[in-house]
Amino acid sequence: MKIRHIGAAPVGAIGLGAMPMSIEGRPDRARSVATIHAALDAGVTLIDTADAYHVHADEVGHNESLIAEALAGYGGDTSAVLVATKGGHLRPGDGAWTRDGSPAYLKRAAEASLKRLGAEAIGLYQFHRPDPRVPYADSVGALRDLLDEGKIRMAGISNADPGQIRQANEILGGRLVSVQNQFSPGFRSSEPELELCTELGIAFLPWSPLNGIGGAGALGTRHAAFAEIGRAYGVSPQRVCLAWMLARSPVVVPIPGASRPETIKDSAAAADLTLTGEDLARLDAA
C-alpha cells in the first residue's frame, strides 16, 4: 500500500477505524479478529481505537483489548503497525457519551490504555473531544506531560477547530502530529481544519469518511456522482470516496470503520485508485 506519514511514522494511506467491532451491533470476536487480520494483509498499518469503544459500563477498553489480541495472534510482522487510541470520552453504559478532559483523568486513562494494549508506550494518543468544563490548554497539557514522560510516542487531538489545533500545537511545542475530525461526502464542515493541517503538515484523519456506520451502505445512493464514477472504474462508490479524500491533500489518512474482512479489503484498495482531475472536480461539487 502507498505510504503516508503521521509525525515521523510511515503508515498505509488507508487506516482502519475499529469502533464498529465494539459498540452496539458489534460482530462476534472471531469475525472482528478476522477483520483486523484482513486489514493487516491488505497493508493497513494504522488502527484507530479509543477506550470508550464499548457498550457496557464494565467493559471499558473493549476495543483496545480486541486489537491487542488480534495483533498478538497475527502470523505476520506487526512491528510497523501504529495503534492510535483516545481518551477523554466516556460511556457510562446507558447509551450516553460523556466527557472528562481533566488532566488527572486523561493521565489515568492513558495508563489504563497502555496496559490493555500491552505496549511499552502508546504509539499515538489523542484527546478525544473537548470538555467544556475544563480549559482546553489543561487537557492538552496532560498530553504534553505524557509525551515528556515517554508514555506516549506521539500526540493528537480529535473533534477540534482551527483555534484549538493551533493552541494544541503551541502547547505541545510543535509536536502535534494529527487531527481526527469528522469528514465525509455528507459532512464537509471540517474543510477549514483540513486546510490548516495541510498548511502545518499535520496528519488529518477523517472519521466516518463513508458517512458513518448507518450511512456507508447508502453512500452511492445519497451521492450519485460517487456511484457513477465507481461504475466507470468498476469499483464501489465507497472506494471512490476514499480515493477522493486521499487526493484532497497528502496529509489525509482516512480511517474507515469496518467489521467485515471484505469491507476493509475494499477500502484498502482505494489507495491504488487514481482519479482524474475531472473526476475530482465532479466529486468536489457533488
C-alpha atoms as a PDB file:
ATOM      1  CA  MET A   1       0.000   0.000   0.000  1.00  0.00           C
ATOM      2  CA  LYS A   2       1.073   3.567  -0.633  1.00  0.00           C
ATOM      3  CA  ILE A   3       2.556   5.263   2.410  1.00  0.00           C
ATOM      4  CA  ARG A   4       1.718   8.485   4.219  1.00  0.00           C
ATOM      5  CA  HIS A   5       3.071   9.837   7.497  1.00  0.00           C
ATOM      6  CA  ILE A   6       1.822  10.647  10.965  1.00  0.00           C
ATOM      7  CA  GLY A   7       4.654  12.569  12.520  1.00  0.00           C
ATOM      8  CA  ALA A   8       7.749  10.602  11.602  1.00  0.00           C
ATOM      9  CA  ALA A   9       5.835   7.312  11.456  1.00  0.00           C
ATOM     10  CA  PRO A  10       5.052   5.882   7.995  1.00  0.00           C
ATOM     11  CA  VAL A  11       1.572   4.358   7.747  1.00  0.00           C
ATOM     12  CA  GLY A  12      -0.530   2.858   4.993  1.00  0.00           C
ATOM     13  CA  ALA A  13      -2.568   5.543   3.225  1.00  0.00           C
ATOM     14  CA  ILE A  14      -5.805   3.902   4.410  1.00  0.00           C
ATOM     15  CA  GLY A  15      -6.278   3.110   8.100  1.00  0.00           C
ATOM     16  CA  LEU A  16      -8.821   1.007   9.965  1.00  0.00           C
ATOM     17  CA  GLY A  17     -11.422   2.537  12.264  1.00  0.00           C
ATOM     18  CA  ALA A  18     -12.074  -0.257  14.749  1.00  0.00           C
ATOM     19  CA  MET A  19     -15.057   1.246  16.594  1.00  0.00           C
ATOM     20  CA  PRO A  20     -17.782  -0.851  14.834  1.00  0.00           C
ATOM     21  CA  MET A  21     -16.243  -4.000  16.303  1.00  0.00           C
ATOM     22  CA  SER A  22     -17.013  -2.962  19.879  1.00  0.00           C
ATOM     23  CA  ILE A  23     -20.133  -0.809  20.045  1.00  0.00           C
ATOM     24  CA  GLU A  24     -23.814  -1.637  19.545  1.00  0.00           C
ATOM     25  CA  GLY A  25     -24.390  -4.167  16.777  1.00  0.00           C
ATOM     26  CA  ARG A  26     -20.842  -5.470  17.023  1.00  0.00           C
ATOM     27  CA  PRO A  27     -19.931  -8.831  15.478  1.00  0.00           C
ATOM     28  CA  ASP A  28     -18.580 -11.793  17.377  1.00  0.00           C
ATOM     29  CA  ARG A  29     -14.937 -11.716  18.398  1.00  0.00           C
ATOM     30  CA  ALA A  30     -13.816 -14.194  15.735  1.00  0.00           C
ATOM     31  CA  ARG A  31     -15.128 -12.038  12.893  1.00  0.00           C
ATOM     32  CA  SER A  32     -13.592  -8.942  14.434  1.00  0.00           C
ATOM     33  CA  VAL A  33     -10.188 -10.579  14.677  1.00  0.00           C
ATOM     34  CA  ALA A  34     -10.547 -11.793  11.081  1.00  0.00           C
ATOM     35  CA  THR A  35     -11.335  -8.218  10.022  1.00  0.00           C
ATOM     36  CA  ILE A  36      -8.220  -6.855  11.697  1.00  0.00           C
ATOM     37  CA  HIS A  37      -6.108  -9.602  10.148  1.00  0.00           C
ATOM     38  CA  ALA A  38      -7.596  -8.846   6.713  1.00  0.00           C
ATOM     39  CA  ALA A  39      -6.656  -5.198   7.187  1.00  0.00           C
ATOM     40  CA  LEU A  40      -3.074  -6.132   8.004  1.00  0.00           C
ATOM     41  CA  ASP A  41      -2.938  -8.474   4.998  1.00  0.00           C
ATOM     42  CA  ALA A  42      -4.086  -5.561   2.804  1.00  0.00           C
ATOM     43  CA  GLY A  43      -1.278  -3.301   4.006  1.00  0.00           C
ATOM     44  CA  VAL A  44      -3.154  -1.320   6.639  1.00  0.00           C
ATOM     45  CA  THR A  45      -0.730  -0.236   9.371  1.00  0.00           C
ATOM     46  CA  LEU A  46      -2.834   2.378  11.222  1.00  0.00           C
ATOM     47  CA  ILE A  47      -5.564   1.089  13.537  1.00  0.00           C
ATOM     48  CA  ASP A  48      -7.666   3.686  15.341  1.00  0.00           C
ATOM     49  CA  THR A  49      -9.417   2.902  18.609  1.00  0.00           C
ATOM     50  CA  ALA A  50     -10.459   4.502  21.915  1.00  0.00           C
ATOM     51  CA  ASP A  51     -11.080   3.372  25.466  1.00  0.00           C
ATOM     52  CA  ALA A  52     -14.721   4.463  25.031  1.00  0.00           C
ATOM     53  CA  TYR A  53     -15.429   1.983  22.232  1.00  0.00           C
ATOM     54  CA  HIS A  54     -17.556  -0.445  24.211  1.00  0.00           C
ATOM     55  CA  VAL A  55     -21.202  -0.984  25.157  1.00  0.00           C
ATOM     56  CA  HIS A  56     -21.438  -1.860  28.851  1.00  0.00           C
ATOM     57  CA  ALA A  57     -20.014   0.172  31.731  1.00  0.00           C
ATOM     58  CA  ASP A  58     -17.881  -2.733  32.934  1.00  0.00           C
ATOM     59  CA  GLU A  59     -16.032  -3.268  29.640  1.00  0.00           C
ATOM     60  CA  VAL A  60     -14.098  -0.041  29.183  1.00  0.00           C
ATOM     61  CA  GLY A  61     -11.335  -0.613  26.657  1.00  0.00           C
ATOM     62  CA  HIS A  62     -13.123  -3.497  24.901  1.00  0.00           C
ATOM     63  CA  ASN A  63     -11.844  -2.336  21.519  1.00  0.00           C
ATOM     64  CA  GLU A  64      -8.273  -1.824  22.708  1.00  0.00           C
ATOM     65  CA  SER A  65      -8.173  -5.331  24.178  1.00  0.00           C
ATOM     66  CA  LEU A  66      -9.607  -6.746  20.955  1.00  0.00           C
ATOM     67  CA  ILE A  67      -6.891  -5.078  18.884  1.00  0.00           C
ATOM     68  CA  ALA A  68      -4.157  -6.285  21.226  1.00  0.00           C
ATOM     69  CA  GLU A  69      -5.491  -9.831  20.927  1.00  0.00           C
ATOM     70  CA  ALA A  70      -5.690  -9.644  17.133  1.00  0.00           C
ATOM     71  CA  LEU A  71      -2.158  -8.282  16.795  1.00  0.00           C
ATOM     72  CA  ALA A  72      -0.774 -10.933  19.130  1.00  0.00           C
ATOM     73  CA  GLY A  73      -2.447 -13.681  17.095  1.00  0.00           C
ATOM     74  CA  TYR A  74      -1.405 -12.415  13.675  1.00  0.00           C
ATOM     75  CA  GLY A  75       1.037 -14.632  11.845  1.00  0.00           C
ATOM     76  CA  GLY A  76       2.965 -11.823  10.184  1.00  0.00           C
ATOM     77  CA  ASP A  77       5.146  -8.933  11.270  1.00  0.00           C
ATOM     78  CA  THR A  78       3.251  -6.234  13.202  1.00  0.00           C
ATOM     79  CA  SER A  79       6.224  -4.068  14.150  1.00  0.00           C
ATOM     80  CA  ALA A  80       5.139  -1.343  11.695  1.00  0.00           C
ATOM     81  CA  VAL A  81       1.567  -1.162  12.985  1.00  0.00           C
ATOM     82  CA  LEU A  82       0.629   2.102  14.670  1.00  0.00           C
ATOM     83  CA  VAL A  83      -2.236   1.796  17.151  1.00  0.00           C
ATOM     84  CA  ALA A  84      -3.860   5.161  17.803  1.00  0.00           C
ATOM     85  CA  THR A  85      -6.128   5.384  20.812  1.00  0.00           C
ATOM     86  CA  LYS A  86      -8.022   8.185  22.509  1.00  0.00           C
ATOM     87  CA  GLY A  87      -9.102   9.350  25.945  1.00  0.00           C
ATOM     88  CA  GLY A  88     -11.500  11.919  27.335  1.00  0.00           C
ATOM     89  CA  HIS A  89     -14.785  10.471  26.082  1.00  0.00           C
ATOM     90  CA  LEU A  90     -16.695   8.038  28.301  1.00  0.00           C
ATOM     91  CA  ARG A  91     -19.662   5.697  28.018  1.00  0.00           C
ATOM     92  CA  PRO A  92     -21.419   5.128  31.354  1.00  0.00           C
ATOM     93  CA  GLY A  93     -23.298   2.147  29.926  1.00  0.00           C
ATOM     94  CA  ASP A  94     -26.723   3.695  29.347  1.00  0.00           C
ATOM     95  CA  GLY A  95     -26.053   4.554  25.710  1.00  0.00           C
ATOM     96  CA  ALA A  96     -24.869   8.071  26.531  1.00  0.00           C
ATOM     97  CA  TRP A  97     -21.482   9.630  25.764  1.00  0.00           C
ATOM     98  CA  THR A  98     -19.944  11.894  28.412  1.00  0.00           C
ATOM     99  CA  ARG A  99     -16.651  13.784  28.665  1.00  0.00           C
ATOM    100  CA  ASP A 100     -13.807  14.194  31.118  1.00  0.00           C
ATOM    101  CA  GLY A 101     -10.914  16.282  29.904  1.00  0.00           C
ATOM    102  CA  SER A 102      -9.302  16.817  33.286  1.00  0.00           C
ATOM    103  CA  PRO A 103      -5.548  16.207  33.257  1.00  0.00           C
ATOM    104  CA  ALA A 104      -5.761  13.705  36.124  1.00  0.00           C
ATOM    105  CA  TYR A 105      -8.362  11.642  34.299  1.00  0.00           C
ATOM    106  CA  LEU A 106      -6.545  11.722  30.958  1.00  0.00           C
ATOM    107  CA  LYS A 107      -3.340  10.522  32.588  1.00  0.00           C
ATOM    108  CA  ARG A 108      -5.152   7.665  34.333  1.00  0.00           C
ATOM    109  CA  ALA A 109      -6.932   6.761  31.107  1.00  0.00           C
ATOM    110  CA  ALA A 110      -3.666   6.699  29.171  1.00  0.00           C
ATOM    111  CA  GLU A 111      -2.082   4.420  31.763  1.00  0.00           C
ATOM    112  CA  ALA A 112      -5.045   2.037  31.518  1.00  0.00           C
ATOM    113  CA  SER A 113      -4.943   2.065  27.710  1.00  0.00           C
ATOM    114  CA  LEU A 114      -1.229   1.347  27.787  1.00  0.00           C
ATOM    115  CA  LYS A 115      -1.804  -1.754  29.929  1.00  0.00           C
ATOM    116  CA  ARG A 116      -4.590  -3.040  27.680  1.00  0.00           C
ATOM    117  CA  LEU A 117      -2.519  -2.552  24.549  1.00  0.00           C
ATOM    118  CA  GLY A 118       0.460  -4.276  26.142  1.00  0.00           C
ATOM    119  CA  ALA A 119       2.976  -1.852  24.677  1.00  0.00           C
ATOM    120  CA  GLU A 120       5.983  -0.038  26.097  1.00  0.00           C
ATOM    121  CA  ALA A 121       4.380   3.252  25.022  1.00  0.00           C
ATOM    122  CA  ILE A 122       1.195   4.204  23.187  1.00  0.00           C
ATOM    123  CA  GLY A 123       2.028   4.914  19.554  1.00  0.00           C
ATOM    124  CA  LEU A 124      -0.439   7.791  19.150  1.00  0.00           C
ATOM    125  CA  TYR A 125      -2.606   9.126  21.962  1.00  0.00           C
ATOM    126  CA  GLN A 126      -5.390  11.561  21.081  1.00  0.00           C
ATOM    127  CA  PHE A 127      -7.567  13.833  23.205  1.00  0.00           C
ATOM    128  CA  HIS A 128     -10.967  12.529  22.131  1.00  0.00           C
ATOM    129  CA  ARG A 129     -13.262  15.538  22.478  1.00  0.00           C
ATOM    130  CA  PRO A 130     -13.045  18.962  24.188  1.00  0.00           C
ATOM    131  CA  ASP A 131     -14.633  19.101  27.627  1.00  0.00           C
ATOM    132  CA  PRO A 132     -16.413  22.449  28.135  1.00  0.00           C
ATOM    133  CA  ARG A 133     -15.815  22.202  31.883  1.00  0.00           C
ATOM    134  CA  VAL A 134     -12.022  22.047  31.523  1.00  0.00           C
ATOM    135  CA  PRO A 135      -9.743  24.646  29.888  1.00  0.00           C
ATOM    136  CA  TYR A 136      -8.500  23.185  26.615  1.00  0.00           C
ATOM    137  CA  ALA A 137      -4.932  24.100  27.488  1.00  0.00           C
ATOM    138  CA  ASP A 138      -5.136  21.960  30.631  1.00  0.00           C
ATOM    139  CA  SER A 139      -6.342  18.916  28.707  1.00  0.00           C
ATOM    140  CA  VAL A 140      -3.661  19.241  26.044  1.00  0.00           C
ATOM    141  CA  GLY A 141      -1.120  19.870  28.784  1.00  0.00           C
ATOM    142  CA  ALA A 142      -1.773  16.333  30.003  1.00  0.00           C
ATOM    143  CA  LEU A 143      -0.758  15.014  26.573  1.00  0.00           C
ATOM    144  CA  ARG A 144       2.405  17.127  26.740  1.00  0.00           C
ATOM    145  CA  ASP A 145       3.253  15.565  30.091  1.00  0.00           C
ATOM    146  CA  LEU A 146       2.601  12.050  28.757  1.00  0.00           C
ATOM    147  CA  LEU A 147       4.907  12.786  25.830  1.00  0.00           C
ATOM    148  CA  ASP A 148       7.632  14.123  28.084  1.00  0.00           C
ATOM    149  CA  GLU A 149       7.328  11.073  30.349  1.00  0.00           C
ATOM    150  CA  GLY A 150       7.676   8.705  27.376  1.00  0.00           C
ATOM    151  CA  LYS A 151       4.295   7.047  27.992  1.00  0.00           C
ATOM    152  CA  ILE A 152       3.083   8.061  24.551  1.00  0.00           C
ATOM    153  CA  ARG A 153       5.213   8.420  21.435  1.00  0.00           C
ATOM    154  CA  MET A 154       3.003  10.907  19.604  1.00  0.00           C
ATOM    155  CA  ALA A 155       0.093  13.186  20.487  1.00  0.00           C
ATOM    156  CA  GLY A 156      -3.023  14.095  18.532  1.00  0.00           C
ATOM    157  CA  ILE A 157      -6.395  15.747  19.050  1.00  0.00           C
ATOM    158  CA  SER A 158      -9.881  14.947  17.812  1.00  0.00           C
ATOM    159  CA  ASN A 159     -13.020  16.979  17.130  1.00  0.00           C
ATOM    160  CA  ALA A 160     -11.031  20.218  17.167  1.00  0.00           C
ATOM    161  CA  ASP A 161     -11.489  23.583  15.471  1.00  0.00           C
ATOM    162  CA  PRO A 162      -8.679  25.635  13.862  1.00  0.00           C
ATOM    163  CA  GLY A 163      -8.057  27.663  17.007  1.00  0.00           C
ATOM    164  CA  GLN A 164      -7.719  24.524  19.098  1.00  0.00           C
ATOM    165  CA  ILE A 165      -5.364  22.999  16.540  1.00  0.00           C
ATOM    166  CA  ARG A 166      -3.045  25.992  16.736  1.00  0.00           C
ATOM    167  CA  GLN A 167      -3.311  26.123  20.518  1.00  0.00           C
ATOM    168  CA  ALA A 168      -2.587  22.423  20.909  1.00  0.00           C
ATOM    169  CA  ASN A 169       0.412  22.600  18.619  1.00  0.00           C
ATOM    170  CA  GLU A 170       1.806  25.512  20.621  1.00  0.00           C
ATOM    171  CA  ILE A 171       1.272  23.770  23.970  1.00  0.00           C
ATOM    172  CA  LEU A 172       2.913  20.630  22.621  1.00  0.00           C
ATOM    173  CA  GLY A 173       5.904  22.606  21.388  1.00  0.00           C
ATOM    174  CA  GLY A 174       5.209  21.888  17.723  1.00  0.00           C
ATOM    175  CA  ARG A 175       4.724  18.183  18.407  1.00  0.00           C
ATOM    176  CA  LEU A 176       1.068  17.863  17.402  1.00  0.00           C
ATOM    177  CA  VAL A 177       1.069  15.128  14.737  1.00  0.00           C
ATOM    178  CA  SER A 178      -2.598  14.513  13.965  1.00  0.00           C
ATOM    179  CA  VAL A 179      -6.131  15.880  13.978  1.00  0.00           C
ATOM    180  CA  GLN A 180      -9.051  13.476  13.787  1.00  0.00           C
ATOM    181  CA  ASN A 181     -12.282  15.172  12.705  1.00  0.00           C
ATOM    182  CA  GLN A 182     -15.441  14.006  11.006  1.00  0.00           C
ATOM    183  CA  PHE A 183     -15.269  14.440   7.233  1.00  0.00           C
ATOM    184  CA  SER A 184     -17.272  12.720   4.503  1.00  0.00           C
ATOM    185  CA  PRO A 185     -19.323  13.476   1.374  1.00  0.00           C
ATOM    186  CA  GLY A 186     -22.224  14.309   3.661  1.00  0.00           C
ATOM    187  CA  PHE A 187     -20.207  16.215   6.279  1.00  0.00           C
ATOM    188  CA  ARG A 188     -17.749  18.718   4.877  1.00  0.00           C
ATOM    189  CA  SER A 189     -17.690  21.366   7.582  1.00  0.00           C
ATOM    190  CA  SER A 190     -14.181  20.286   8.604  1.00  0.00           C
ATOM    191  CA  GLU A 191     -12.710  21.827   5.429  1.00  0.00           C
ATOM    192  CA  PRO A 192     -11.010  24.638   7.435  1.00  0.00           C
ATOM    193  CA  GLU A 193      -9.317  22.089   9.708  1.00  0.00           C
ATOM    194  CA  LEU A 194      -8.177  20.049   6.716  1.00  0.00           C
ATOM    195  CA  GLU A 195      -6.718  23.139   5.077  1.00  0.00           C
ATOM    196  CA  LEU A 196      -4.910  24.138   8.274  1.00  0.00           C
ATOM    197  CA  CYS A 197      -3.478  20.653   8.733  1.00  0.00           C
ATOM    198  CA  THR A 198      -2.214  20.755   5.145  1.00  0.00           C
ATOM    199  CA  GLU A 199      -0.568  24.107   5.827  1.00  0.00           C
ATOM    200  CA  LEU A 200       1.083  22.888   9.035  1.00  0.00           C
ATOM    201  CA  GLY A 201       1.986  19.403   7.780  1.00  0.00           C
ATOM    202  CA  ILE A 202      -0.179  17.703  10.423  1.00  0.00           C
ATOM    203  CA  ALA A 203      -1.926  14.439   9.533  1.00  0.00           C
ATOM    204  CA  PHE A 204      -5.688  14.762   9.092  1.00  0.00           C
ATOM    205  CA  LEU A 205      -7.588  11.577   9.964  1.00  0.00           C
ATOM    206  CA  PRO A 206     -11.199  11.739   8.739  1.00  0.00           C
ATOM    207  CA  TRP A 207     -13.520   9.721  10.951  1.00  0.00           C
ATOM    208  CA  SER A 208     -16.742   8.325   9.479  1.00  0.00           C
ATOM    209  CA  PRO A 209     -15.316   9.044   5.993  1.00  0.00           C
ATOM    210  CA  LEU A 210     -18.039   6.926   4.362  1.00  0.00           C
ATOM    211  CA  ASN A 211     -20.917   8.791   6.053  1.00  0.00           C
ATOM    212  CA  GLY A 212     -20.825   6.697   9.223  1.00  0.00           C
ATOM    213  CA  ILE A 213     -21.948   3.207  10.208  1.00  0.00           C
ATOM    214  CA  GLY A 214     -25.556   3.854   9.264  1.00  0.00           C
ATOM    215  CA  GLY A 215     -24.807   5.697   6.034  1.00  0.00           C
ATOM    216  CA  ALA A 216     -21.887   3.859   4.429  1.00  0.00           C
ATOM    217  CA  GLY A 217     -24.001   1.369   2.548  1.00  0.00           C
ATOM    218  CA  ALA A 218     -26.143   4.096   1.001  1.00  0.00           C
ATOM    219  CA  LEU A 219     -23.260   6.425   0.113  1.00  0.00           C
ATOM    220  CA  GLY A 220     -23.703   5.867  -3.628  1.00  0.00           C
ATOM    221  CA  THR A 221     -27.449   6.413  -3.391  1.00  0.00           C
ATOM    222  CA  ARG A 222     -27.178   9.657  -1.440  1.00  0.00           C
ATOM    223  CA  HIS A 223     -24.259  10.962  -3.509  1.00  0.00           C
ATOM    224  CA  ALA A 224     -24.825   9.736  -7.055  1.00  0.00           C
ATOM    225  CA  ALA A 225     -21.561  11.028  -8.507  1.00  0.00           C
ATOM    226  CA  PHE A 226     -19.563   8.593  -6.368  1.00  0.00           C
ATOM    227  CA  ALA A 227     -21.636   5.674  -7.677  1.00  0.00           C
ATOM    228  CA  GLU A 228     -21.438   6.845 -11.287  1.00  0.00           C
ATOM    229  CA  ILE A 229     -17.669   7.249 -11.198  1.00  0.00           C
ATOM    230  CA  GLY A 230     -17.394   3.913  -9.392  1.00  0.00           C
ATOM    231  CA  ARG A 231     -19.273   2.192 -12.199  1.00  0.00           C
ATOM    232  CA  ALA A 232     -16.921   3.759 -14.739  1.00  0.00           C
ATOM    233  CA  TYR A 233     -13.931   2.224 -12.940  1.00  0.00           C
ATOM    234  CA  GLY A 234     -15.666  -0.997 -11.913  1.00  0.00           C
ATOM    235  CA  VAL A 235     -15.283  -0.268  -8.202  1.00  0.00           C
ATOM    236  CA  SER A 236     -17.547   0.594  -5.277  1.00  0.00           C
ATOM    237  CA  PRO A 237     -18.645   4.171  -4.523  1.00  0.00           C
ATOM    238  CA  GLN A 238     -17.006   3.729  -1.115  1.00  0.00           C
ATOM    239  CA  ARG A 239     -13.648   3.083  -2.767  1.00  0.00           C
ATOM    240  CA  VAL A 240     -14.112   6.171  -4.926  1.00  0.00           C
ATOM    241  CA  CYS A 241     -14.902   8.204  -1.813  1.00  0.00           C
ATOM    242  CA  LEU A 242     -11.680   7.220  -0.059  1.00  0.00           C
ATOM    243  CA  ALA A 243      -9.603   7.832  -3.208  1.00  0.00           C
ATOM    244  CA  TRP A 244     -11.219  11.288  -3.457  1.00  0.00           C
ATOM    245  CA  MET A 245     -10.202  12.017   0.130  1.00  0.00           C
ATOM    246  CA  LEU A 246      -6.625  10.902  -0.469  1.00  0.00           C
ATOM    247  CA  ALA A 247      -6.459  13.269  -3.435  1.00  0.00           C
ATOM    248  CA  ARG A 248      -7.581  16.221  -1.310  1.00  0.00           C
ATOM    249  CA  SER A 249      -4.249  16.521   0.496  1.00  0.00           C
ATOM    250  CA  PRO A 250      -1.103  14.478   1.162  1.00  0.00           C
ATOM    251  CA  VAL A 251      -1.780  14.752   4.907  1.00  0.00           C
ATOM    252  CA  VAL A 252      -5.105  12.876   4.710  1.00  0.00           C
ATOM    253  CA  VAL A 253      -5.218   9.328   6.126  1.00  0.00           C
ATOM    254  CA  PRO A 254      -8.854   8.134   6.174  1.00  0.00           C
ATOM    255  CA  ILE A 255      -9.871   5.657   8.877  1.00  0.00           C
ATOM    256  CA  PRO A 256     -12.994   3.928   7.522  1.00  0.00           C
ATOM    257  CA  GLY A 257     -14.773   1.771  10.047  1.00  0.00           C
ATOM    258  CA  ALA A 258     -15.168  -1.920   9.318  1.00  0.00           C
ATOM    259  CA  SER A 259     -16.412  -5.075  10.969  1.00  0.00           C
ATOM    260  CA  ARG A 260     -16.132  -7.446   7.998  1.00  0.00           C
ATOM    261  CA  PRO A 261     -12.950  -8.580   6.208  1.00  0.00           C
ATOM    262  CA  GLU A 262     -14.401  -7.829   2.776  1.00  0.00           C
ATOM    263  CA  THR A 263     -15.232  -4.259   3.767  1.00  0.00           C
ATOM    264  CA  ILE A 264     -11.739  -3.295   4.851  1.00  0.00           C
ATOM    265  CA  LYS A 265     -10.235  -5.049   1.834  1.00  0.00           C
ATOM    266  CA  ASP A 266     -12.338  -2.873  -0.451  1.00  0.00           C
ATOM    267  CA  SER A 267     -11.424   0.260   1.497  1.00  0.00           C
ATOM    268  CA  ALA A 268      -7.704  -0.543   1.460  1.00  0.00           C
ATOM    269  CA  ALA A 269      -7.784  -0.846  -2.331  1.00  0.00           C
ATOM    270  CA  ALA A 270      -8.686   2.859  -2.556  1.00  0.00           C
ATOM    271  CA  ALA A 271      -5.003   3.664  -2.121  1.00  0.00           C
ATOM    272  CA  ASP A 272      -4.399   2.289  -5.624  1.00  0.00           C
ATOM    273  CA  LEU A 273      -7.279   4.099  -7.333  1.00  0.00           C
ATOM    274  CA  THR A 274      -6.211   7.221  -9.219  1.00  0.00           C
ATOM    275  CA  LEU A 275      -8.971   9.630 -10.151  1.00  0.00           C
ATOM    276  CA  THR A 276      -8.728  12.213 -12.896  1.00  0.00           C
ATOM    277  CA  GLY A 277      -8.946  15.948 -12.366  1.00  0.00           C
ATOM    278  CA  GLU A 278     -12.380  15.863 -13.960  1.00  0.00           C
ATOM    279  CA  ASP A 279     -13.475  13.122 -11.553  1.00  0.00           C
ATOM    280  CA  LEU A 280     -12.254  15.100  -8.561  1.00  0.00           C
ATOM    281  CA  ALA A 281     -13.939  18.311  -9.662  1.00  0.00           C
ATOM    282  CA  ARG A 282     -17.214  16.444 -10.087  1.00  0.00           C
ATOM    283  CA  LEU A 283     -16.928  14.851  -6.648  1.00  0.00           C
ATOM    284  CA  ASP A 284     -15.986  18.145  -5.018  1.00  0.00           C
ATOM    285  CA  ALA A 285     -19.192  19.610  -6.389  1.00  0.00           C
ATOM    286  CA  ALA A 286     -21.377  16.595  -5.564  1.00  0.00           C
END
